[in-house]
């Protein structure tokens, strides 16, 4: 699994990855439903802060978003 720095992607591709990720996530956010665009903004912020990383799996040839902790566990 390879970490892809977000600045290596075009804005359009990064948006598409985040939107795809958010649309695949579970929709149960507790008492209040969170708007799709708000969730996208939250994930973008987590990427900017380094809490979420963009990954590429050369075996499956797919990209995904993982928490930094998940990435470290998979990398070891």
C-alpha atoms as a PDB file:
ATOM      1  CA  UNK A   1       0.000   0.000   0.000  1.00  0.00           C
ATOM      2  CA  UNK A   2       1.362   3.379  -1.051  1.00  0.00           C
ATOM      3  CA  UNK A   3       0.511   6.748   0.493  1.00  0.00           C
ATOM      4  CA  UNK A   4      -0.290   9.424  -2.083  1.00  0.00           C
ATOM      5  CA  UNK A   5       0.370  13.024  -0.971  1.00  0.00           C
ATOM      6  CA  UNK A   6      -2.777  15.080  -1.652  1.00  0.00           C
ATOM      7  CA  UNK A   7      -0.782  17.813  -3.373  1.00  0.00           C
ATOM      8  CA  UNK A   8       0.185  15.284  -6.073  1.00  0.00           C
ATOM      9  CA  UNK A   9      -3.458  15.072  -7.200  1.00  0.00           C
ATOM     10  CA  UNK A  10      -5.469  17.592  -9.163  1.00  0.00           C
ATOM     11  CA  UNK A  11      -8.234  19.350  -7.244  1.00  0.00           C
ATOM     12  CA  UNK A  12     -10.804  17.562  -9.399  1.00  0.00           C
ATOM     13  CA  UNK A  13      -9.380  14.129  -8.682  1.00  0.00           C
ATOM     14  CA  UNK A  14      -9.095  14.822  -4.966  1.00  0.00           C
ATOM     15  CA  UNK A  15     -12.715  16.010  -4.900  1.00  0.00           C
ATOM     16  CA  UNK A  16     -13.822  12.865  -6.729  1.00  0.00           C
ATOM     17  CA  UNK A  17     -11.940  10.590  -4.304  1.00  0.00           C
ATOM     18  CA  UNK A  18     -13.384  12.327  -1.244  1.00  0.00           C
ATOM     19  CA  UNK A  19     -16.929  12.379  -2.635  1.00  0.00           C
ATOM     20  CA  UNK A  20     -16.705   8.696  -3.579  1.00  0.00           C
ATOM     21  CA  UNK A  21     -15.419   7.841  -0.105  1.00  0.00           C
ATOM     22  CA  UNK A  22     -18.167   9.817   1.642  1.00  0.00           C
ATOM     23  CA  UNK A  23     -20.865   8.273  -0.541  1.00  0.00           C
ATOM     24  CA  UNK A  24     -19.638   4.762   0.420  1.00  0.00           C
ATOM     25  CA  UNK A  25     -19.572   5.485   4.151  1.00  0.00           C
ATOM     26  CA  UNK A  26     -22.420   4.446   6.427  1.00  0.00           C
ATOM     27  CA  UNK A  27     -25.172   7.026   6.679  1.00  0.00           C
ATOM     28  CA  UNK A  28     -25.946   6.647  10.383  1.00  0.00           C
ATOM     29  CA  UNK A  29     -24.454   9.728  12.022  1.00  0.00           C
ATOM     30  CA  UNK A  30     -26.431   9.518  15.235  1.00  0.00           C
ATOM     31  CA  UNK A  31     -29.253  11.850  16.212  1.00  0.00           C
ATOM     32  CA  UNK A  32     -28.583  14.348  13.423  1.00  0.00           C
ATOM     33  CA  UNK A  33     -27.989  13.569   9.773  1.00  0.00           C
ATOM     34  CA  UNK A  34     -24.899  15.342   8.424  1.00  0.00           C
ATOM     35  CA  UNK A  35     -25.221  16.970   4.998  1.00  0.00           C
ATOM     36  CA  UNK A  36     -23.144  15.328   2.260  1.00  0.00           C
ATOM     37  CA  UNK A  37     -21.186  18.508   1.497  1.00  0.00           C
ATOM     38  CA  UNK A  38     -20.455  19.053   5.196  1.00  0.00           C
ATOM     39  CA  UNK A  39     -19.109  15.511   5.437  1.00  0.00           C
ATOM     40  CA  UNK A  40     -16.968  16.116   2.319  1.00  0.00           C
ATOM     41  CA  UNK A  41     -15.541  19.265   3.939  1.00  0.00           C
ATOM     42  CA  UNK A  42     -14.815  17.356   7.145  1.00  0.00           C
ATOM     43  CA  UNK A  43     -12.926  14.649   5.266  1.00  0.00           C
ATOM     44  CA  UNK A  44     -10.967  17.242   3.243  1.00  0.00           C
ATOM     45  CA  UNK A  45      -9.940  18.910   6.525  1.00  0.00           C
ATOM     46  CA  UNK A  46      -8.826  15.553   7.937  1.00  0.00           C
ATOM     47  CA  UNK A  47      -6.684  15.020   4.821  1.00  0.00           C
ATOM     48  CA  UNK A  48      -5.188  18.507   5.159  1.00  0.00           C
ATOM     49  CA  UNK A  49      -4.349  17.846   8.827  1.00  0.00           C
ATOM     50  CA  UNK A  50      -2.821  14.467   7.968  1.00  0.00           C
ATOM     51  CA  UNK A  51      -5.333  12.487  10.016  1.00  0.00           C
ATOM     52  CA  UNK A  52      -6.615  10.776   6.846  1.00  0.00           C
ATOM     53  CA  UNK A  53      -4.307   9.583   4.068  1.00  0.00           C
ATOM     54  CA  UNK A  54      -4.910   8.783   0.420  1.00  0.00           C
ATOM     55  CA  UNK A  55      -3.689   5.309  -0.446  1.00  0.00           C
ATOM     56  CA  UNK A  56      -3.106   3.308  -3.599  1.00  0.00           C
ATOM     57  CA  UNK A  57      -3.081  -0.471  -3.561  1.00  0.00           C
ATOM     58  CA  UNK A  58      -0.994  -1.709  -6.506  1.00  0.00           C
ATOM     59  CA  UNK A  59      -2.440  -5.216  -6.213  1.00  0.00           C
ATOM     60  CA  UNK A  60      -6.063  -4.146  -6.628  1.00  0.00           C
ATOM     61  CA  UNK A  61      -5.139  -0.924  -8.455  1.00  0.00           C
ATOM     62  CA  UNK A  62      -7.547   1.054  -6.270  1.00  0.00           C
ATOM     63  CA  UNK A  63      -7.383   4.246  -4.237  1.00  0.00           C
ATOM     64  CA  UNK A  64      -8.905   4.628  -0.830  1.00  0.00           C
ATOM     65  CA  UNK A  65      -8.858   6.902   2.193  1.00  0.00           C
ATOM     66  CA  UNK A  66      -7.649   5.535   5.512  1.00  0.00           C
ATOM     67  CA  UNK A  67      -7.038   7.050   8.884  1.00  0.00           C
ATOM     68  CA  UNK A  68      -3.335   7.496   9.621  1.00  0.00           C
ATOM     69  CA  UNK A  69      -3.711   4.786  12.290  1.00  0.00           C
ATOM     70  CA  UNK A  70      -5.278   2.307   9.812  1.00  0.00           C
ATOM     71  CA  UNK A  71      -2.524   3.013   7.290  1.00  0.00           C
ATOM     72  CA  UNK A  72       0.204   2.389   9.875  1.00  0.00           C
ATOM     73  CA  UNK A  73      -1.404  -0.893  10.906  1.00  0.00           C
ATOM     74  CA  UNK A  74      -1.586  -2.085   7.306  1.00  0.00           C
ATOM     75  CA  UNK A  75       1.957  -0.945   6.550  1.00  0.00           C
ATOM     76  CA  UNK A  76       3.509  -2.930   9.407  1.00  0.00           C
END
